[in-house]
Amino acid sequence: MVKDKYIYSLEMAVRDYELDFQCVVHNSNYQRYLEHARHAFLEEHGGSMTAMHAAGVDPMVSKITIEYKSPLRGGDKFVVCINMKREGAKLVFLQDIYNLAGDKLVVKARVEIVCVKDGRLTRGEMFDEVFKDFFSNQE
C-alpha cells in the first residue's frame, strides 16, 4: 500500500460543504487537510499545539508549495501521508494526499515550518525531542 513509504498517515473523507460549484474539493481545503494531519501527527507523538502556545511557542507555516494532481469529489475517502526532515531552523513536511480508490495521487506538498518562542525565531528545539526518532533516521 502507498502509505508504507511514509512515517505517518491519516485517513479522512470529503465532506459535502468542502466542494465548490464544480462538485470537486475547493483548493483551499487541501491546506486544511494537510494541517489537520500535521497536528494529529504531533499529538500522537506527545505534542500539543495548545500546550505549546500556552508555553509561548508558536510553530508557523513560512512557505507551502502544493501541486494539484487530481481532484477529490464528494464522498471520496483519502489519506494524507507525511514524511519530514529538518533543514537548519526549519521543519519540512513532505505531504502527499492519495484518493483511497486506487491509491491515486491527489496532491504533493512541501510545507516549511518555523518556530517562534515568546516572539523570537528559534531553531524549534522543542521538536527535537518529540521527533527524535524521525530525525535520527536521516543522519
Protein backbone atom coordinates (compact mmCIF):
# COMPACT_ATOMS: atom_id res chain seq x y z
CA MET A 1 0.00 0.00 0.00
CA VAL A 2 1.16 3.54 -0.72
CA LYS A 3 1.11 4.54 2.99
CA ASP A 4 4.01 2.22 3.72
CA LYS A 5 6.62 4.65 2.40
CA TYR A 6 5.66 7.39 4.89
CA ILE A 7 6.26 7.90 8.61
CA TYR A 8 2.63 8.82 9.27
CA SER A 9 -0.72 8.69 7.52
CA LEU A 10 -4.23 9.79 8.40
CA GLU A 11 -7.37 8.65 6.59
CA MET A 12 -10.17 11.16 6.06
CA ALA A 13 -13.29 11.63 3.92
CA VAL A 14 -14.53 14.55 1.84
CA ARG A 15 -17.49 16.38 3.33
CA ASP A 16 -20.12 17.95 1.09
CA TYR A 17 -19.51 21.50 2.30
CA GLU A 18 -15.88 21.30 1.07
CA LEU A 19 -16.98 21.16 -2.56
CA ASP A 20 -17.01 24.05 -5.00
CA PHE A 21 -19.60 24.70 -7.71
CA GLN A 22 -17.89 22.11 -9.95
CA CYS A 23 -18.52 19.44 -7.28
CA VAL A 24 -14.82 18.92 -6.54
CA VAL A 25 -12.98 19.82 -3.34
CA HIS A 26 -12.19 23.53 -3.29
CA ASN A 27 -8.43 24.04 -3.45
CA SER A 28 -8.29 25.83 -0.06
CA ASN A 29 -9.48 22.69 1.72
CA TYR A 30 -6.33 20.76 0.81
CA GLN A 31 -4.34 23.07 3.09
CA ARG A 32 -6.77 22.23 5.89
CA TYR A 33 -6.31 18.51 5.26
CA LEU A 34 -2.53 18.90 5.34
CA GLU A 35 -2.63 20.95 8.54
CA HIS A 36 -5.03 18.57 10.28
CA ALA A 37 -2.70 15.64 9.53
CA ARG A 38 0.35 17.54 10.88
CA HIS A 39 -1.50 18.37 14.11
CA ALA A 40 -2.68 14.75 14.52
CA PHE A 41 0.90 13.55 13.91
CA LEU A 42 2.21 15.94 16.56
CA GLU A 43 -0.42 14.87 19.08
CA GLU A 44 0.26 11.17 18.51
CA HIS A 45 3.90 11.85 19.42
CA GLY A 46 3.17 13.72 22.62
CA GLY A 47 2.94 17.30 21.37
CA SER A 48 0.05 19.71 21.55
CA MET A 49 -0.44 22.97 19.67
CA THR A 50 -2.49 24.35 22.58
CA ALA A 51 0.16 23.47 25.17
CA MET A 52 2.94 24.88 23.00
CA HIS A 53 1.11 28.16 22.53
CA ALA A 54 0.48 28.40 26.28
CA ALA A 55 4.25 27.97 26.76
CA GLY A 56 4.94 30.80 24.30
CA VAL A 57 5.91 28.50 21.42
CA ASP A 58 4.23 29.00 18.07
CA PRO A 59 5.14 26.86 15.05
CA MET A 60 4.14 28.69 11.85
CA VAL A 61 3.99 27.84 8.19
CA SER A 62 6.58 30.01 6.47
CA LYS A 63 6.16 28.52 3.00
CA ILE A 64 3.90 25.99 1.34
CA THR A 65 4.06 24.59 -2.16
CA ILE A 66 1.18 22.47 -3.41
CA GLU A 67 0.98 20.59 -6.70
CA TYR A 68 -2.59 19.60 -7.52
CA LYS A 69 -2.58 16.32 -9.45
CA SER A 70 -6.19 15.10 -9.47
CA PRO A 71 -9.40 16.25 -7.73
CA LEU A 72 -11.26 14.75 -4.83
CA ARG A 73 -15.06 14.64 -5.07
CA GLY A 74 -17.89 14.39 -2.59
CA GLY A 75 -17.78 11.19 -0.57
CA ASP A 76 -14.22 10.26 -1.58
CA LYS A 77 -12.08 8.68 1.08
CA PHE A 78 -8.45 9.74 1.09
CA VAL A 79 -5.25 9.51 3.07
CA VAL A 80 -2.84 12.30 3.98
CA CYS A 81 0.72 10.96 4.22
CA ILE A 82 3.70 12.62 5.89
CA ASN A 83 7.46 12.44 5.74
CA MET A 84 9.55 15.09 7.46
CA LYS A 85 13.07 16.39 7.78
CA ARG A 86 14.94 19.24 9.38
CA GLU A 87 16.64 21.86 7.20
CA GLY A 88 18.52 24.21 9.51
CA ALA A 89 15.95 26.02 11.65
CA LYS A 90 13.04 24.75 9.55
CA LEU A 91 10.96 21.63 9.87
CA VAL A 92 9.98 20.47 6.40
CA PHE A 93 6.92 18.30 5.96
CA LEU A 94 6.66 16.44 2.68
CA GLN A 95 2.99 15.61 2.45
CA ASP A 96 1.03 13.73 -0.18
CA ILE A 97 -2.68 13.09 -0.42
CA TYR A 98 -3.98 9.96 -2.14
CA ASN A 99 -7.51 9.03 -3.10
CA LEU A 100 -8.06 5.63 -1.49
CA ALA A 101 -9.91 4.49 -4.61
CA GLY A 102 -6.90 3.16 -6.48
CA ASP A 103 -4.23 4.99 -4.43
CA LYS A 104 -4.36 7.85 -6.94
CA LEU A 105 -2.10 10.83 -6.12
CA VAL A 106 -4.19 13.94 -5.49
CA VAL A 107 -1.75 16.46 -4.01
CA LYS A 108 2.02 16.76 -3.44
CA ALA A 109 3.01 19.41 -0.90
CA ARG A 110 6.11 20.78 0.77
CA VAL A 111 5.36 22.67 3.98
CA GLU A 112 8.11 24.63 5.73
CA ILE A 113 7.58 25.39 9.42
CA VAL A 114 9.49 27.82 11.61
CA CYS A 115 9.13 28.21 15.37
CA VAL A 116 8.77 31.38 17.37
CA LYS A 117 9.19 31.36 21.16
CA ASP A 118 7.99 34.42 23.02
CA GLY A 119 8.05 36.36 19.76
CA ARG A 120 11.58 35.36 18.72
CA LEU A 121 12.61 32.96 15.95
CA THR A 122 14.15 29.73 17.30
CA ARG A 123 15.52 26.51 15.86
CA GLY A 124 12.42 24.73 17.14
CA GLU A 125 14.42 22.75 19.70
CA MET A 126 11.22 21.60 21.37
CA PHE A 127 10.59 19.39 18.33
CA ASP A 128 13.97 17.66 18.59
CA GLU A 129 12.72 15.52 21.49
CA VAL A 130 9.21 14.94 20.10
CA PHE A 131 10.53 13.83 16.70
CA LYS A 132 13.94 12.43 17.71
CA ASP A 133 13.20 9.01 16.19
CA PHE A 134 12.49 10.56 12.81
CA PHE A 135 15.46 12.95 12.79
CA SER A 136 17.92 10.25 13.86
CA ASN A 137 16.91 8.18 10.81
CA GLN A 138 18.08 10.98 8.50
CA GLU A 139 21.69 11.03 9.62
